[in-house]
Amino acid sequence: MKATGIVRRIDDLGRVVIPKEIRRTMRIREGDPLEIFTAADGEVIFKKYSPMGDFAEFTAQYADVLNKALNMPVMITDRDHVLAVSGLPKKEYIDRRVSKALEEIMENRAGFVAKAAVSAVQPVEGDSHAACLAFPIIGNGDVSGCVCAIMNERNELPANSEMKLVQVAAQFLAKQTED
């Protein structure tokens, strides 16, 4: 844990304002759920809550199955990080931060389909692999992540059947996050 040097007071309604710099750095947006942890020594820790985090093992299995069906690498993310990957080295991608471009796709709540190899989007910050398909996982009206199919070595664009598989995967995972 790292001290920021920022001190905030609790108001009369029990609220604490998280400073803009911290919200920007940690990508905390209005309406984002925060999980609250406490420790015996008086620490109170706020952590971004990811409903997808509860399904880590399940998403890894789903990514493996989808990778085999599509014959292309697959990534499943929450709103901020890669949760599961298949067809690429797991150690290099798990817990890596998603790119601004993938964040925008999730915020727009619309699927992304590359029209050409040059229009593919990089799903992970600072990585050369590009996604040719990306569909947000939307359950209970909230975006909780994204399913991405990564462009293969031959830069082949996805067929309609591959697009449908990724779309169905996102919808299925959304159902898993619903109450």
N, C-alpha and C. Protein backbone atom coordinates (compact mmCIF):
# COMPACT_ATOMS: atom_id res chain seq x y z
N MET A 1 0.85 -1.17 0.00
CA MET A 1 0.00 0.00 0.00
C MET A 1 0.90 1.23 0.00
N LYS A 2 0.46 2.26 -0.75
CA LYS A 2 1.27 3.45 -0.93
C LYS A 2 0.50 4.67 -0.41
N ALA A 3 1.14 5.47 0.42
CA ALA A 3 0.52 6.69 0.94
C ALA A 3 0.52 7.77 -0.14
N THR A 4 -0.58 8.52 -0.24
CA THR A 4 -0.68 9.59 -1.24
C THR A 4 -0.40 10.95 -0.63
N GLY A 5 -0.51 11.05 0.68
CA GLY A 5 -0.33 12.35 1.33
C GLY A 5 -1.59 13.20 1.31
N ILE A 6 -2.66 12.69 0.72
CA ILE A 6 -3.93 13.41 0.64
C ILE A 6 -4.80 13.00 1.82
N VAL A 7 -5.35 14.00 2.51
CA VAL A 7 -6.22 13.75 3.65
C VAL A 7 -7.59 14.36 3.34
N ARG A 8 -8.65 13.61 3.60
CA ARG A 8 -10.01 14.09 3.39
C ARG A 8 -10.81 13.84 4.67
N ARG A 9 -11.73 14.74 4.95
CA ARG A 9 -12.62 14.59 6.11
C ARG A 9 -13.94 13.97 5.68
N ILE A 10 -14.56 13.26 6.61
CA ILE A 10 -15.88 12.68 6.38
C ILE A 10 -16.91 13.77 6.65
N ASP A 11 -17.89 13.93 5.74
CA ASP A 11 -18.91 14.96 5.97
C ASP A 11 -20.00 14.43 6.90
N ASP A 12 -21.01 15.27 7.18
CA ASP A 12 -22.05 14.90 8.14
C ASP A 12 -22.93 13.75 7.66
N LEU A 13 -22.86 13.40 6.38
CA LEU A 13 -23.62 12.26 5.87
C LEU A 13 -22.75 11.01 5.74
N GLY A 14 -21.50 11.08 6.22
CA GLY A 14 -20.60 9.93 6.19
C GLY A 14 -19.89 9.74 4.87
N ARG A 15 -19.87 10.77 4.02
CA ARG A 15 -19.24 10.65 2.70
C ARG A 15 -17.80 11.15 2.73
N VAL A 16 -17.02 10.55 1.84
CA VAL A 16 -15.63 10.97 1.64
C VAL A 16 -15.47 11.19 0.13
N VAL A 17 -14.86 12.30 -0.25
CA VAL A 17 -14.60 12.57 -1.66
C VAL A 17 -13.25 11.98 -2.04
N ILE A 18 -13.25 11.16 -3.08
CA ILE A 18 -12.00 10.62 -3.60
C ILE A 18 -11.47 11.66 -4.60
N PRO A 19 -10.28 12.17 -4.37
CA PRO A 19 -9.75 13.24 -5.23
C PRO A 19 -9.71 12.87 -6.71
N LYS A 20 -9.92 13.87 -7.55
CA LYS A 20 -9.97 13.68 -8.99
C LYS A 20 -8.71 13.00 -9.53
N GLU A 21 -7.53 13.37 -9.01
CA GLU A 21 -6.28 12.78 -9.50
C GLU A 21 -6.27 11.27 -9.26
N ILE A 22 -6.76 10.85 -8.11
CA ILE A 22 -6.78 9.42 -7.79
C ILE A 22 -7.83 8.71 -8.64
N ARG A 23 -9.01 9.34 -8.82
CA ARG A 23 -10.04 8.73 -9.67
C ARG A 23 -9.53 8.56 -11.10
N ARG A 24 -8.84 9.56 -11.61
CA ARG A 24 -8.31 9.49 -12.97
C ARG A 24 -7.24 8.39 -13.08
N THR A 25 -6.30 8.38 -12.16
CA THR A 25 -5.21 7.40 -12.17
C THR A 25 -5.74 5.98 -12.04
N MET A 26 -6.70 5.78 -11.15
CA MET A 26 -7.24 4.45 -10.90
C MET A 26 -8.43 4.10 -11.80
N ARG A 27 -8.76 5.03 -12.71
CA ARG A 27 -9.88 4.85 -13.65
C ARG A 27 -11.19 4.57 -12.92
N ILE A 28 -11.44 5.33 -11.89
CA ILE A 28 -12.70 5.22 -11.16
C ILE A 28 -13.65 6.26 -11.74
N ARG A 29 -14.79 5.77 -12.26
CA ARG A 29 -15.76 6.65 -12.89
C ARG A 29 -17.00 6.77 -12.01
N GLU A 30 -17.76 7.80 -12.28
CA GLU A 30 -19.02 7.98 -11.56
C GLU A 30 -19.88 6.73 -11.74
N GLY A 31 -20.40 6.22 -10.65
CA GLY A 31 -21.24 5.03 -10.70
C GLY A 31 -20.49 3.72 -10.54
N ASP A 32 -19.15 3.75 -10.57
CA ASP A 32 -18.38 2.52 -10.39
C ASP A 32 -18.58 1.97 -8.98
N PRO A 33 -18.78 0.66 -8.85
CA PRO A 33 -18.90 0.08 -7.51
C PRO A 33 -17.52 -0.05 -6.85
N LEU A 34 -17.46 0.26 -5.58
CA LEU A 34 -16.23 0.10 -4.79
C LEU A 34 -16.53 -0.86 -3.65
N GLU A 35 -15.63 -1.81 -3.46
CA GLU A 35 -15.76 -2.76 -2.36
C GLU A 35 -14.97 -2.20 -1.18
N ILE A 36 -15.50 -2.33 0.02
CA ILE A 36 -14.86 -1.76 1.21
C ILE A 36 -14.31 -2.89 2.08
N PHE A 37 -13.02 -2.78 2.41
CA PHE A 37 -12.35 -3.74 3.27
C PHE A 37 -11.91 -3.01 4.53
N THR A 38 -11.90 -3.73 5.65
CA THR A 38 -11.40 -3.16 6.89
C THR A 38 -10.38 -4.11 7.50
N ALA A 39 -9.48 -3.55 8.30
CA ALA A 39 -8.48 -4.34 8.99
C ALA A 39 -8.55 -4.03 10.47
N ALA A 40 -8.05 -4.91 11.29
CA ALA A 40 -8.11 -4.76 12.74
C ALA A 40 -7.40 -3.49 13.21
N ASP A 41 -6.40 -3.03 12.46
CA ASP A 41 -5.64 -1.85 12.89
C ASP A 41 -6.30 -0.54 12.47
N GLY A 42 -7.55 -0.57 11.99
CA GLY A 42 -8.28 0.65 11.65
C GLY A 42 -8.22 1.05 10.19
N GLU A 43 -7.52 0.25 9.37
CA GLU A 43 -7.46 0.58 7.95
C GLU A 43 -8.82 0.35 7.30
N VAL A 44 -9.17 1.27 6.41
CA VAL A 44 -10.35 1.13 5.56
C VAL A 44 -9.83 1.24 4.13
N ILE A 45 -10.07 0.21 3.34
CA ILE A 45 -9.55 0.18 1.98
C ILE A 45 -10.71 0.08 0.99
N PHE A 46 -10.69 0.98 0.01
CA PHE A 46 -11.67 0.95 -1.06
C PHE A 46 -11.00 0.29 -2.26
N LYS A 47 -11.66 -0.69 -2.85
CA LYS A 47 -11.12 -1.37 -4.02
C LYS A 47 -12.21 -1.41 -5.07
N LYS A 48 -11.82 -1.13 -6.32
CA LYS A 48 -12.80 -1.23 -7.39
C LYS A 48 -13.35 -2.64 -7.41
N TYR A 49 -14.66 -2.74 -7.47
CA TYR A 49 -15.31 -4.05 -7.48
C TYR A 49 -15.52 -4.49 -8.92
N SER A 50 -15.15 -5.71 -9.21
CA SER A 50 -15.36 -6.29 -10.54
C SER A 50 -16.21 -7.54 -10.39
N PRO A 51 -17.46 -7.52 -10.89
CA PRO A 51 -18.26 -8.74 -10.81
C PRO A 51 -17.63 -9.88 -11.59
N MET A 52 -16.83 -9.55 -12.59
CA MET A 52 -16.16 -10.58 -13.39
C MET A 52 -15.05 -11.26 -12.59
N GLY A 53 -14.49 -10.58 -11.60
CA GLY A 53 -13.42 -11.15 -10.78
C GLY A 53 -13.84 -12.42 -10.07
N ASP A 54 -15.15 -12.55 -9.80
CA ASP A 54 -15.67 -13.74 -9.14
C ASP A 54 -15.68 -14.97 -10.06
N PHE A 55 -15.48 -14.73 -11.36
CA PHE A 55 -15.57 -15.81 -12.34
C PHE A 55 -14.23 -16.09 -13.02
N ALA A 56 -13.13 -15.83 -12.33
CA ALA A 56 -11.80 -15.95 -12.94
C ALA A 56 -11.56 -17.33 -13.54
N GLU A 57 -11.82 -18.39 -12.78
CA GLU A 57 -11.59 -19.74 -13.28
C GLU A 57 -12.54 -20.06 -14.44
N PHE A 58 -13.77 -19.65 -14.28
CA PHE A 58 -14.78 -19.90 -15.32
C PHE A 58 -14.42 -19.16 -16.62
N THR A 59 -14.00 -17.89 -16.51
CA THR A 59 -13.64 -17.14 -17.72
C THR A 59 -12.41 -17.74 -18.40
N ALA A 60 -11.49 -18.28 -17.63
CA ALA A 60 -10.31 -18.92 -18.22
C ALA A 60 -10.73 -20.14 -19.05
N GLN A 61 -11.65 -20.94 -18.51
CA GLN A 61 -12.15 -22.10 -19.25
C GLN A 61 -12.91 -21.67 -20.49
N TYR A 62 -13.71 -20.64 -20.35
CA TYR A 62 -14.49 -20.14 -21.49
C TYR A 62 -13.56 -19.62 -22.58
N ALA A 63 -12.50 -18.90 -22.18
CA ALA A 63 -11.53 -18.39 -23.16
C ALA A 63 -10.88 -19.55 -23.91
N ASP A 64 -10.54 -20.63 -23.22
CA ASP A 64 -9.94 -21.80 -23.86
C ASP A 64 -10.87 -22.42 -24.90
N VAL A 65 -12.13 -22.58 -24.54
CA VAL A 65 -13.11 -23.17 -25.46
C VAL A 65 -13.32 -22.25 -26.66
N LEU A 66 -13.44 -20.96 -26.42
CA LEU A 66 -13.65 -20.00 -27.50
C LEU A 66 -12.44 -19.94 -28.43
N ASN A 67 -11.24 -20.03 -27.86
CA ASN A 67 -10.01 -20.03 -28.65
C ASN A 67 -10.00 -21.22 -29.61
N LYS A 68 -10.39 -22.39 -29.12
CA LYS A 68 -10.42 -23.58 -29.97
C LYS A 68 -11.50 -23.46 -31.06
N ALA A 69 -12.65 -22.91 -30.71
CA ALA A 69 -13.74 -22.78 -31.68
C ALA A 69 -13.43 -21.75 -32.76
N LEU A 70 -12.77 -20.65 -32.38
CA LEU A 70 -12.47 -19.58 -33.32
C LEU A 70 -11.16 -19.80 -34.08
N ASN A 71 -10.27 -20.57 -33.47
CA ASN A 71 -8.91 -20.74 -33.98
C ASN A 71 -8.19 -19.39 -34.05
N MET A 72 -8.44 -18.57 -33.03
CA MET A 72 -7.73 -17.30 -32.86
C MET A 72 -7.63 -17.00 -31.37
N PRO A 73 -6.60 -16.27 -30.96
CA PRO A 73 -6.45 -15.95 -29.54
C PRO A 73 -7.67 -15.18 -29.01
N VAL A 74 -7.94 -15.37 -27.72
CA VAL A 74 -9.09 -14.75 -27.07
C VAL A 74 -8.66 -14.12 -25.76
N MET A 75 -9.22 -12.94 -25.47
CA MET A 75 -9.03 -12.27 -24.18
C MET A 75 -10.39 -11.96 -23.60
N ILE A 76 -10.51 -12.16 -22.29
CA ILE A 76 -11.71 -11.74 -21.57
C ILE A 76 -11.23 -10.78 -20.49
N THR A 77 -11.85 -9.60 -20.44
CA THR A 77 -11.42 -8.57 -19.50
C THR A 77 -12.56 -8.17 -18.58
N ASP A 78 -12.19 -7.52 -17.47
CA ASP A 78 -13.20 -6.76 -16.74
C ASP A 78 -13.07 -5.34 -17.29
N ARG A 79 -13.54 -4.33 -16.59
CA ARG A 79 -13.48 -2.97 -17.14
C ARG A 79 -12.08 -2.42 -17.18
N ASP A 80 -11.15 -3.01 -16.42
CA ASP A 80 -9.81 -2.45 -16.31
C ASP A 80 -8.67 -3.37 -16.68
N HIS A 81 -8.82 -4.67 -16.48
CA HIS A 81 -7.70 -5.60 -16.62
C HIS A 81 -8.09 -6.86 -17.37
N VAL A 82 -7.09 -7.54 -17.91
CA VAL A 82 -7.30 -8.83 -18.56
C VAL A 82 -7.49 -9.88 -17.47
N LEU A 83 -8.58 -10.63 -17.57
CA LEU A 83 -8.89 -11.69 -16.60
C LEU A 83 -8.48 -13.06 -17.11
N ALA A 84 -8.68 -13.28 -18.41
CA ALA A 84 -8.39 -14.59 -18.99
C ALA A 84 -7.87 -14.40 -20.40
N VAL A 85 -6.98 -15.30 -20.81
CA VAL A 85 -6.44 -15.26 -22.17
C VAL A 85 -6.16 -16.69 -22.60
N SER A 86 -6.39 -16.96 -23.88
CA SER A 86 -6.09 -18.27 -24.45
C SER A 86 -5.55 -18.05 -25.85
N GLY A 87 -4.46 -18.75 -26.16
CA GLY A 87 -3.84 -18.60 -27.47
C GLY A 87 -2.68 -17.64 -27.46
N LEU A 88 -2.45 -16.99 -26.32
CA LEU A 88 -1.30 -16.09 -26.09
C LEU A 88 -0.73 -16.44 -24.73
N PRO A 89 0.52 -16.08 -24.45
CA PRO A 89 1.12 -16.41 -23.14
C PRO A 89 0.36 -15.76 -21.97
N LYS A 90 -0.20 -16.58 -21.12
CA LYS A 90 -1.00 -16.08 -19.99
C LYS A 90 -0.21 -15.14 -19.10
N LYS A 91 1.03 -15.50 -18.78
CA LYS A 91 1.84 -14.68 -17.86
C LYS A 91 2.05 -13.27 -18.38
N GLU A 92 2.03 -13.10 -19.70
CA GLU A 92 2.26 -11.78 -20.28
C GLU A 92 1.01 -10.90 -20.27
N TYR A 93 -0.17 -11.51 -20.13
CA TYR A 93 -1.40 -10.74 -20.30
C TYR A 93 -2.30 -10.65 -19.08
N ILE A 94 -2.33 -11.68 -18.25
CA ILE A 94 -3.23 -11.66 -17.10
C ILE A 94 -2.90 -10.45 -16.22
N ASP A 95 -3.91 -9.73 -15.84
CA ASP A 95 -3.85 -8.53 -14.98
C ASP A 95 -3.28 -7.30 -15.68
N ARG A 96 -2.99 -7.38 -16.97
CA ARG A 96 -2.54 -6.18 -17.68
C ARG A 96 -3.72 -5.25 -17.89
N ARG A 97 -3.45 -3.98 -17.91
CA ARG A 97 -4.48 -2.95 -18.04
C ARG A 97 -5.00 -2.89 -19.48
N VAL A 98 -6.31 -2.75 -19.63
CA VAL A 98 -6.89 -2.61 -20.97
C VAL A 98 -6.55 -1.24 -21.53
N SER A 99 -6.58 -1.12 -22.84
CA SER A 99 -6.25 0.13 -23.51
C SER A 99 -7.42 1.11 -23.44
N LYS A 100 -7.12 2.37 -23.70
CA LYS A 100 -8.16 3.41 -23.77
C LYS A 100 -9.16 3.07 -24.88
N ALA A 101 -8.66 2.52 -25.99
CA ALA A 101 -9.54 2.17 -27.11
C ALA A 101 -10.55 1.10 -26.70
N LEU A 102 -10.11 0.09 -25.95
CA LEU A 102 -11.03 -0.95 -25.49
C LEU A 102 -12.00 -0.39 -24.45
N GLU A 103 -11.50 0.50 -23.61
CA GLU A 103 -12.37 1.18 -22.64
C GLU A 103 -13.50 1.92 -23.35
N GLU A 104 -13.17 2.61 -24.44
CA GLU A 104 -14.18 3.35 -25.22
C GLU A 104 -15.22 2.40 -25.81
N ILE A 105 -14.77 1.26 -26.31
CA ILE A 105 -15.71 0.27 -26.86
C ILE A 105 -16.69 -0.15 -25.77
N MET A 106 -16.17 -0.40 -24.56
CA MET A 106 -17.06 -0.80 -23.46
C MET A 106 -18.00 0.35 -23.07
N GLU A 107 -17.48 1.56 -22.99
CA GLU A 107 -18.31 2.70 -22.62
C GLU A 107 -19.40 2.96 -23.65
N ASN A 108 -19.10 2.73 -24.93
CA ASN A 108 -20.09 2.93 -25.99
C ASN A 108 -21.12 1.81 -26.04
N ARG A 109 -20.84 0.71 -25.34
CA ARG A 109 -21.77 -0.42 -25.23
C ARG A 109 -22.13 -1.03 -26.58
N ALA A 110 -21.22 -0.93 -27.53
CA ALA A 110 -21.46 -1.49 -28.86
C ALA A 110 -20.29 -2.39 -29.23
N GLY A 111 -20.58 -3.42 -29.97
CA GLY A 111 -19.53 -4.32 -30.41
C GLY A 111 -18.63 -3.67 -31.44
N PHE A 112 -17.41 -4.18 -31.50
CA PHE A 112 -16.44 -3.70 -32.47
C PHE A 112 -16.08 -4.84 -33.40
N VAL A 113 -16.13 -4.58 -34.71
CA VAL A 113 -15.73 -5.55 -35.72
C VAL A 113 -14.77 -4.83 -36.66
N ALA A 114 -13.54 -5.32 -36.76
CA ALA A 114 -12.55 -4.70 -37.65
C ALA A 114 -12.98 -4.90 -39.11
N LYS A 115 -12.89 -3.84 -39.89
CA LYS A 115 -13.23 -3.91 -41.31
C LYS A 115 -12.00 -4.21 -42.16
N ALA A 116 -10.83 -3.95 -41.60
CA ALA A 116 -9.55 -4.25 -42.26
C ALA A 116 -8.52 -4.47 -41.16
N ALA A 117 -7.43 -5.11 -41.51
CA ALA A 117 -6.39 -5.40 -40.50
C ALA A 117 -5.89 -4.12 -39.84
N VAL A 118 -5.85 -3.02 -40.58
CA VAL A 118 -5.35 -1.76 -40.02
C VAL A 118 -6.36 -1.12 -39.07
N SER A 119 -7.62 -1.54 -39.13
CA SER A 119 -8.63 -0.93 -38.25
C SER A 119 -8.80 -1.70 -36.94
N ALA A 120 -8.06 -2.79 -36.78
CA ALA A 120 -8.14 -3.56 -35.53
C ALA A 120 -7.66 -2.70 -34.37
N VAL A 121 -8.19 -2.98 -33.18
CA VAL A 121 -7.89 -2.17 -31.99
C VAL A 121 -7.00 -2.95 -31.03
N GLN A 122 -6.06 -2.26 -30.41
CA GLN A 122 -5.20 -2.91 -29.42
C GLN A 122 -5.95 -2.98 -28.10
N PRO A 123 -6.21 -4.18 -27.58
CA PRO A 123 -6.98 -4.29 -26.34
C PRO A 123 -6.18 -4.05 -25.07
N VAL A 124 -4.85 -4.18 -25.16
CA VAL A 124 -4.00 -4.04 -23.98
C VAL A 124 -3.00 -2.91 -24.22
N GLU A 125 -2.81 -2.09 -23.19
CA GLU A 125 -1.85 -0.99 -23.30
C GLU A 125 -0.45 -1.52 -23.61
N GLY A 126 0.22 -0.87 -24.57
CA GLY A 126 1.61 -1.20 -24.87
C GLY A 126 1.85 -2.56 -25.47
N ASP A 127 0.88 -3.11 -26.20
CA ASP A 127 1.03 -4.42 -26.81
C ASP A 127 0.75 -4.33 -28.30
N SER A 128 1.41 -5.18 -29.07
CA SER A 128 1.25 -5.13 -30.52
C SER A 128 0.08 -5.96 -31.04
N HIS A 129 -0.44 -6.89 -30.24
CA HIS A 129 -1.57 -7.70 -30.70
C HIS A 129 -2.82 -6.83 -30.80
N ALA A 130 -3.61 -7.09 -31.83
CA ALA A 130 -4.80 -6.28 -32.06
C ALA A 130 -6.05 -7.16 -32.10
N ALA A 131 -7.13 -6.63 -31.58
CA ALA A 131 -8.41 -7.34 -31.57
C ALA A 131 -9.18 -7.02 -32.84
N CYS A 132 -9.68 -8.06 -33.49
CA CYS A 132 -10.53 -7.85 -34.66
C CYS A 132 -12.00 -7.88 -34.26
N LEU A 133 -12.29 -8.40 -33.07
CA LEU A 133 -13.65 -8.43 -32.52
C LEU A 133 -13.59 -8.06 -31.04
N ALA A 134 -14.52 -7.26 -30.59
CA ALA A 134 -14.62 -6.93 -29.16
C ALA A 134 -16.08 -6.64 -28.85
N PHE A 135 -16.64 -7.40 -27.92
CA PHE A 135 -18.03 -7.20 -27.52
C PHE A 135 -18.12 -7.03 -26.01
N PRO A 136 -18.71 -5.92 -25.57
CA PRO A 136 -18.85 -5.67 -24.13
C PRO A 136 -19.74 -6.70 -23.45
N ILE A 137 -19.43 -6.98 -22.21
CA ILE A 137 -20.23 -7.86 -21.36
C ILE A 137 -21.15 -6.95 -20.56
N ILE A 138 -22.45 -6.98 -20.86
CA ILE A 138 -23.39 -6.06 -20.24
C ILE A 138 -24.46 -6.86 -19.52
N GLY A 139 -24.44 -6.83 -18.19
CA GLY A 139 -25.42 -7.53 -17.37
C GLY A 139 -26.05 -6.57 -16.38
N ASN A 140 -27.35 -6.68 -16.18
CA ASN A 140 -28.09 -5.77 -15.29
C ASN A 140 -27.89 -4.30 -15.69
N GLY A 141 -27.68 -4.07 -16.97
CA GLY A 141 -27.51 -2.70 -17.45
C GLY A 141 -26.12 -2.12 -17.25
N ASP A 142 -25.22 -2.89 -16.63
CA ASP A 142 -23.86 -2.41 -16.36
C ASP A 142 -22.85 -3.15 -17.21
N VAL A 143 -21.86 -2.41 -17.70
CA VAL A 143 -20.76 -3.04 -18.43
C VAL A 143 -19.79 -3.59 -17.39
N SER A 144 -19.48 -4.88 -17.50
CA SER A 144 -18.56 -5.48 -16.53
C SER A 144 -17.29 -5.99 -17.18
N GLY A 145 -17.20 -5.93 -18.51
CA GLY A 145 -15.99 -6.38 -19.17
C GLY A 145 -16.18 -6.48 -20.66
N CYS A 146 -15.31 -7.28 -21.30
CA CYS A 146 -15.33 -7.39 -22.75
C CYS A 146 -14.73 -8.73 -23.17
N VAL A 147 -15.25 -9.28 -24.26
CA VAL A 147 -14.69 -10.48 -24.87
C VAL A 147 -14.05 -10.04 -26.19
N CYS A 148 -12.77 -10.37 -26.37
CA CYS A 148 -12.03 -9.95 -27.57
C CYS A 148 -11.45 -11.16 -28.29
N ALA A 149 -11.58 -11.14 -29.61
CA ALA A 149 -10.88 -12.11 -30.45
C ALA A 149 -9.70 -11.36 -31.06
N ILE A 150 -8.52 -11.94 -30.93
CA ILE A 150 -7.29 -11.29 -31.37
C ILE A 150 -6.97 -11.73 -32.80
N MET A 151 -6.55 -10.78 -33.60
CA MET A 151 -6.18 -11.04 -34.99
C MET A 151 -5.10 -12.12 -35.04
N ASN A 152 -5.27 -13.11 -35.92
CA ASN A 152 -4.26 -14.17 -36.04
C ASN A 152 -3.05 -13.68 -36.84
N GLU A 153 -2.03 -14.55 -36.94
CA GLU A 153 -0.78 -14.15 -37.59
C GLU A 153 -0.97 -13.79 -39.05
N ARG A 154 -1.99 -14.35 -39.69
CA ARG A 154 -2.23 -14.08 -41.12
C ARG A 154 -3.09 -12.83 -41.33
N ASN A 155 -3.45 -12.14 -40.23
CA ASN A 155 -4.29 -10.93 -40.29
C ASN A 155 -5.61 -11.15 -41.03
N GLU A 156 -6.18 -12.34 -40.83
CA GLU A 156 -7.46 -12.65 -41.46
C GLU A 156 -8.60 -11.98 -40.69
N LEU A 157 -9.50 -11.37 -41.42
CA LEU A 157 -10.66 -10.75 -40.79
C LEU A 157 -11.65 -11.84 -40.39
N PRO A 158 -12.40 -11.61 -39.32
CA PRO A 158 -13.34 -12.64 -38.85
C PRO A 158 -14.55 -12.78 -39.77
N ALA A 159 -15.06 -14.00 -39.84
CA ALA A 159 -16.30 -14.27 -40.58
C ALA A 159 -17.49 -13.96 -39.67
N ASN A 160 -18.68 -13.94 -40.24
CA ASN A 160 -19.89 -13.66 -39.45
C ASN A 160 -20.08 -14.69 -38.35
N SER A 161 -19.73 -15.95 -38.62
CA SER A 161 -19.90 -16.99 -37.60
C SER A 161 -18.98 -16.72 -36.40
N GLU A 162 -17.77 -16.25 -36.65
CA GLU A 162 -16.83 -15.93 -35.57
C GLU A 162 -17.33 -14.73 -34.78
N MET A 163 -17.87 -13.76 -35.49
CA MET A 163 -18.43 -12.58 -34.82
C MET A 163 -19.57 -13.01 -33.89
N LYS A 164 -20.44 -13.88 -34.39
CA LYS A 164 -21.57 -14.35 -33.58
C LYS A 164 -21.10 -15.11 -32.34
N LEU A 165 -20.06 -15.93 -32.48
CA LEU A 165 -19.54 -16.67 -31.32
C LEU A 165 -19.05 -15.73 -30.22
N VAL A 166 -18.32 -14.68 -30.59
CA VAL A 166 -17.81 -13.72 -29.60
C VAL A 166 -18.97 -12.95 -28.99
N GLN A 167 -19.94 -12.58 -29.79
CA GLN A 167 -21.12 -11.86 -29.31
C GLN A 167 -21.90 -12.72 -28.31
N VAL A 168 -22.09 -13.98 -28.64
CA VAL A 168 -22.81 -14.91 -27.74
C VAL A 168 -22.01 -15.11 -26.45
N ALA A 169 -20.69 -15.21 -26.56
CA ALA A 169 -19.85 -15.36 -25.37
C ALA A 169 -20.04 -14.17 -24.43
N ALA A 170 -20.06 -12.96 -24.97
CA ALA A 170 -20.26 -11.76 -24.14
C ALA A 170 -21.64 -11.79 -23.48
N GLN A 171 -22.65 -12.20 -24.22
CA GLN A 171 -24.01 -12.27 -23.67
C GLN A 171 -24.11 -13.34 -22.60
N PHE A 172 -23.47 -14.49 -22.83
CA PHE A 172 -23.49 -15.57 -21.84
C PHE A 172 -22.80 -15.14 -20.55
N LEU A 173 -21.62 -14.52 -20.67
CA LEU A 173 -20.91 -14.06 -19.48
C LEU A 173 -21.71 -12.97 -18.75
N ALA A 174 -22.43 -12.15 -19.50
CA ALA A 174 -23.28 -11.13 -18.88
C ALA A 174 -24.35 -11.78 -18.01
N LYS A 175 -24.94 -12.86 -18.51
CA LYS A 175 -25.96 -13.59 -17.72
C LYS A 175 -25.38 -14.13 -16.42
N GLN A 176 -24.12 -14.52 -16.44
CA GLN A 176 -23.47 -15.05 -15.24
C GLN A 176 -23.28 -13.98 -14.16
N THR A 177 -23.17 -12.71 -14.58
CA THR A 177 -22.96 -11.63 -13.63
C THR A 177 -24.25 -11.08 -13.05
N GLU A 178 -25.38 -11.44 -13.66
CA GLU A 178 -26.66 -10.92 -13.18
C GLU A 178 -27.07 -11.59 -11.89
N ASP A 179 -27.81 -10.84 -11.10
CA ASP A 179 -28.26 -11.33 -9.78
C ASP A 179 -29.19 -12.50 -9.87
